[in-house]
C-alpha atoms as a PDB file:
ATOM      1  CA  MET A   1      47.927  69.665 172.317  1.00  0.00           C
ATOM      2  CA  ASN A   2      48.951  67.557 169.365  1.00  0.00           C
ATOM      3  CA  ILE A   3      52.303  68.658 167.875  1.00  0.00           C
ATOM      4  CA  TYR A   4      51.002  68.492 164.295  1.00  0.00           C
ATOM      5  CA  LEU A   5      48.049  70.709 165.100  1.00  0.00           C
ATOM      6  CA  TYR A   6      50.394  73.109 166.883  1.00  0.00           C
ATOM      7  CA  ILE A   7      52.719  73.327 163.852  1.00  0.00           C
ATOM      8  CA  PHE A   8      49.727  73.810 161.551  1.00  0.00           C
ATOM      9  CA  ILE A   9      48.400  76.685 163.688  1.00  0.00           C
ATOM     10  CA  ILE A  10      51.844  78.319 163.888  1.00  0.00           C
ATOM     11  CA  THR A  11      52.228  78.031 160.103  1.00  0.00           C
ATOM     12  CA  ILE A  12      48.807  79.552 159.363  1.00  0.00           C
ATOM     13  CA  LEU A  13      49.395  82.413 161.806  1.00  0.00           C
ATOM     14  CA  PHE A  14      52.842  82.995 160.325  1.00  0.00           C
ATOM     15  CA  LEU A  15      51.461  83.131 156.767  1.00  0.00           C
ATOM     16  CA  LEU A  16      48.758  85.592 157.775  1.00  0.00           C
ATOM     17  CA  TYR A  17      51.338  87.779 159.524  1.00  0.00           C
ATOM     18  CA  VAL A  18      53.702  87.712 156.534  1.00  0.00           C
ATOM     19  CA  GLU A  19      50.926  88.567 154.104  1.00  0.00           C
ATOM     20  CA  TYR A  20      49.935  91.481 156.349  1.00  0.00           C
ATOM     21  CA  SER A  21      53.425  92.808 157.091  1.00  0.00           C
ATOM     22  CA  VAL A  22      55.260  92.113 153.819  1.00  0.00           C
ATOM     23  CA  GLY A  23      52.307  91.947 151.451  1.00  0.00           C
ATOM     24  CA  ASN A  24      51.798  90.252 148.093  1.00  0.00           C
ATOM     25  CA  VAL A  25      53.622  87.097 149.083  1.00  0.00           C
ATOM     26  CA  PHE A  26      50.987  84.581 148.086  1.00  0.00           C
ATOM     27  CA  TYR A  27      47.854  86.619 147.336  1.00  0.00           C
ATOM     28  CA  ARG A  28      48.667  88.982 144.484  1.00  0.00           C
ATOM     29  CA  THR A  29      47.628  90.061 141.024  1.00  0.00           C
ATOM     30  CA  ASN A  30      48.215  87.675 138.159  1.00  0.00           C
ATOM     31  CA  SER A  31      48.905  88.461 134.503  1.00  0.00           C
ATOM     32  CA  ASP A  32      45.193  89.127 133.906  1.00  0.00           C
ATOM     33  CA  GLY A  33      45.108  91.805 136.602  1.00  0.00           C
ATOM     34  CA  ASN A  34      42.981  89.709 138.978  1.00  0.00           C
ATOM     35  CA  TYR A  35      43.939  88.775 142.517  1.00  0.00           C
ATOM     36  CA  SER A  36      44.689  85.094 142.942  1.00  0.00           C
ATOM     37  CA  LEU A  37      46.316  82.704 145.378  1.00  0.00           C
ATOM     38  CA  HIS A  38      49.788  81.421 144.464  1.00  0.00           C
ATOM     39  CA  PRO A  39      50.329  78.223 146.495  1.00  0.00           C
ATOM     40  CA  PHE A  40      53.864  77.585 145.242  1.00  0.00           C
ATOM     41  CA  SER A  41      54.872  81.040 146.415  1.00  0.00           C
ATOM     42  CA  ILE A  42      53.863  79.992 149.918  1.00  0.00           C
ATOM     43  CA  LEU A  43      56.100  76.949 149.813  1.00  0.00           C
ATOM     44  CA  PHE A  44      59.032  78.838 148.317  1.00  0.00           C
ATOM     45  CA  TYR A  45      58.697  81.633 150.883  1.00  0.00           C
ATOM     46  CA  LEU A  46      58.644  79.179 153.799  1.00  0.00           C
ATOM     47  CA  LEU A  47      61.870  77.581 152.565  1.00  0.00           C
ATOM     48  CA  GLU A  48      63.585  80.816 151.482  1.00  0.00           C
ATOM     49  CA  PRO A  49      65.619  81.188 154.740  1.00  0.00           C
ATOM     50  CA  LEU A  50      67.484  78.030 153.757  1.00  0.00           C
ATOM     51  CA  HIS A  51      68.740  79.788 150.611  1.00  0.00           C
ATOM     52  CA  ASN A  52      68.848  83.471 151.510  1.00  0.00           C
ATOM     53  CA  GLN A  53      71.093  84.714 154.314  1.00  0.00           C
ATOM     54  CA  LEU A  54      69.348  88.093 154.332  1.00  0.00           C
ATOM     55  CA  LEU A  55      66.394  86.590 156.215  1.00  0.00           C
ATOM     56  CA  TRP A  56      68.697  85.727 159.111  1.00  0.00           C
ATOM     57  CA  ASN A  57      69.249  89.416 159.836  1.00  0.00           C
ATOM     58  CA  VAL A  58      68.031  90.292 163.351  1.00  0.00           C
ATOM     59  CA  ARG A  59      65.549  92.812 161.939  1.00  0.00           C
ATOM     60  CA  LEU A  60      63.983  90.189 159.664  1.00  0.00           C
ATOM     61  CA  LEU A  61      63.655  87.255 162.047  1.00  0.00           C
ATOM     62  CA  ASP A  62      59.926  87.903 162.438  1.00  0.00           C
ATOM     63  CA  ILE A  63      59.402  86.913 158.783  1.00  0.00           C
ATOM     64  CA  ASN A  64      61.786  83.936 158.883  1.00  0.00           C
ATOM     65  CA  TYR A  65      59.688  80.759 159.028  1.00  0.00           C
ATOM     66  CA  ILE A  66      62.539  78.482 160.084  1.00  0.00           C
ATOM     67  CA  PHE A  67      63.348  80.734 163.046  1.00  0.00           C
ATOM     68  CA  ILE A  68      59.683  81.044 164.055  1.00  0.00           C
ATOM     69  CA  LEU A  69      59.165  77.295 163.766  1.00  0.00           C
ATOM     70  CA  ILE A  70      62.220  76.453 165.869  1.00  0.00           C
ATOM     71  CA  SER A  71      61.269  79.066 168.486  1.00  0.00           C
ATOM     72  CA  SER A  72      57.711  77.752 168.605  1.00  0.00           C
ATOM     73  CA  LEU A  73      58.851  74.164 168.983  1.00  0.00           C
ATOM     74  CA  ILE A  74      61.164  75.121 171.838  1.00  0.00           C
ATOM     75  CA  PHE A  75      58.233  76.893 173.500  1.00  0.00           C
ATOM     76  CA  TYR A  76      56.035  73.850 172.919  1.00  0.00           C
ATOM     77  CA  TYR A  77      58.457  71.417 174.506  1.00  0.00           C
ATOM     78  CA  LEU A  78      59.343  73.677 177.426  1.00  0.00           C
ATOM     79  CA  CYS A  79      55.908  75.017 178.310  1.00  0.00           C
ATOM     80  CA  LEU A  80      53.091  73.088 176.685  1.00  0.00           C
ATOM     81  CA  LYS A  81      54.164  69.488 176.880  1.00  0.00           C
END
């Protein structure tokens, strides 16, 4: 499997899981009261573990993109390549 496709799939699955478990991360109501997609929120949330130490708590590692990405890449290189 191509590494870029693998990272893309991991990222999409992660975003779906975060939206389900945390909620209102990137699909939420705007100032008009309508639901809309907030693409910059996605980017900021993916990079938030680099700024916020709270996301490195053991209980929150499932919603830490950096941790999930590193774990997935280790799995890729050990098992899939």
